[in-house]
Protein backbone atom coordinates (compact mmCIF):
# COMPACT_ATOMS: atom_id res chain seq x y z
CA ILE A 1 100.54 73.37 160.79
CA GLU A 2 100.74 77.05 161.72
CA ALA A 3 98.07 76.58 164.45
CA GLY A 4 95.82 74.44 162.23
CA LEU A 5 93.63 71.79 163.81
CA SER A 6 94.28 68.06 163.59
CA ALA A 7 92.24 65.85 161.30
CA PRO A 8 89.73 63.57 162.99
CA PRO A 9 90.75 59.89 163.17
CA HIS A 10 89.46 57.43 160.58
CA LYS A 11 86.59 55.17 161.54
CA MET A 12 85.13 51.98 160.10
CA THR A 13 81.70 50.74 161.10
CA LEU A 14 80.03 47.42 160.31
CA SER A 15 76.24 47.67 160.21
CA ARG A 16 74.73 44.21 160.25
CA ALA A 17 71.53 43.38 158.38
CA ASP A 18 69.87 42.55 161.71
CA GLY A 19 70.40 46.13 162.98
CA ARG A 20 73.49 45.58 165.13
CA SER A 21 76.39 47.95 164.57
CA GLU A 22 80.03 47.82 165.62
CA THR A 23 83.26 49.70 165.05
CA ILE A 24 85.66 47.45 163.17
CA ASP A 25 89.44 47.17 163.06
CA CYS A 26 91.31 46.98 159.75
CA ASN A 27 93.77 44.48 161.25
CA ARG A 28 91.16 41.79 161.86
CA MET A 29 89.19 39.38 159.66
CA TYR A 30 85.39 39.60 159.54
CA THR A 31 82.66 37.47 158.05
CA PHE A 32 80.06 39.46 156.16
CA ASN A 33 76.52 38.37 155.44
CA ARG A 34 74.08 39.46 152.76
CA GLY A 35 72.74 42.90 153.72
CA ASP A 36 75.70 43.88 155.94
CA ARG A 37 77.26 47.28 155.20
CA VAL A 38 80.67 48.73 155.93
CA SER A 39 81.07 52.50 156.29
CA ILE A 40 84.54 54.01 156.08
CA ILE A 41 85.23 57.59 157.14
CA SER A 42 88.75 58.60 156.21
CA SER A 43 90.63 61.13 158.27
CA GLY A 44 91.66 63.53 155.53
CA GLY A 45 94.29 66.11 156.33
CA GLY A 46 94.69 68.55 159.15
CA GLY A 47 94.13 72.24 158.74
CA TYR A 48 96.62 74.96 157.91
CA GLY A 49 96.61 78.17 159.91
CA ASP A 50 94.52 79.44 162.78
CA PRO A 51 90.85 78.72 161.98
CA LEU A 52 89.85 81.96 163.74
CA GLN A 53 91.81 83.90 161.11
CA ARG A 54 89.99 82.35 158.14
CA ASP A 55 87.98 84.77 156.02
CA PRO A 56 84.34 84.55 157.21
CA GLU A 57 83.10 84.79 153.60
CA ALA A 58 85.22 81.73 152.70
CA VAL A 59 83.64 79.85 155.63
CA LEU A 60 80.21 80.98 154.39
CA GLY A 61 81.05 79.48 150.99
CA ASP A 62 81.92 76.20 152.69
CA VAL A 63 78.54 76.22 154.46
CA ARG A 64 76.67 76.98 151.23
CA ASN A 65 78.57 74.17 149.47
CA GLY A 66 77.79 71.67 152.22
CA LEU A 67 81.41 71.22 153.35
CA VAL A 68 80.68 72.32 156.93
CA SER A 69 77.47 73.05 158.81
CA ALA A 70 76.60 76.44 160.28
CA GLU A 71 77.22 74.86 163.72
CA GLN A 72 80.70 73.69 162.66
CA ALA A 73 81.44 77.16 161.24
CA ARG A 74 80.65 78.67 164.63
CA GLU A 75 82.49 76.01 166.65
CA HIS A 76 85.66 75.66 164.59
CA TYR A 77 86.02 78.99 162.77
CA GLY A 78 84.20 81.31 165.15
CA VAL A 79 81.92 82.43 162.30
CA VAL A 80 78.28 83.03 163.19
CA ILE A 81 76.12 82.17 160.20
CA THR A 82 72.38 82.71 160.09
CA HIS A 83 69.72 81.53 157.67
CA ASP A 84 68.42 84.62 155.90
CA GLY A 85 65.48 83.29 153.90
CA THR A 86 67.03 84.14 150.51
CA ALA A 87 67.84 81.76 147.68
CA LEU A 88 71.43 81.52 148.93
CA GLY A 89 70.10 80.70 152.37
CA TYR A 90 72.87 81.95 154.66
CA THR A 91 74.74 85.11 155.59
CA VAL A 92 77.56 85.95 157.97
CA ASN A 93 76.48 87.87 161.05
CA LYS A 94 79.57 90.10 161.09
CA GLU A 95 78.97 91.70 164.48
CA ALA A 96 78.27 88.36 166.17
CA THR A 97 81.29 86.77 164.43
CA LYS A 98 83.61 89.49 165.71
CA LYS A 99 82.25 89.10 169.25
CA HIS A 100 82.39 85.30 169.15
CA ARG A 101 85.94 85.22 167.80
CA THR A 102 87.08 87.64 170.50
CA GLN A 103 85.53 85.41 173.15
CA LYS A 104 87.11 82.26 171.66
CA GLU A 105 90.53 83.94 171.56
CA LYS A 106 90.15 84.79 175.26
CA GLY A 107 89.24 81.17 175.92
CA SER A 108 85.66 81.80 176.99
CA GLU A 109 82.62 80.64 175.10
CA THR A 110 79.47 82.54 174.25
CA SER A 111 76.08 81.00 173.67
CA GLU A 112 74.01 81.48 170.54
CA ASN A 113 71.57 83.50 172.65
CA ASP A 114 74.25 86.15 173.12
CA TYR A 115 73.82 87.14 169.45
CA HIS A 116 70.08 87.70 169.30
């Protein structure tokens, strides 16, 4: 909605006790054995608004709270976050974020080395 990104699709995985793993379908019957595990990743909802317009400090909060990684912040929101060695652990590199967002808006990518 309003240029927001789609949610990823759901995924179900069956991890067998013997180490085998397979993606499973909810429309099929399975036999489970002791020690087998099923992992379900739900899709959640899509985003609202252009991710490149999201407040970098809000994205930083998401990184600090473990909702997204610093890599995901850079990839999806165009926010360059660095570990700063403090108790909070991360800060927004404002100059690099501005440059990276400009490049993403133009459709060209920059590498992390461009910010050091």
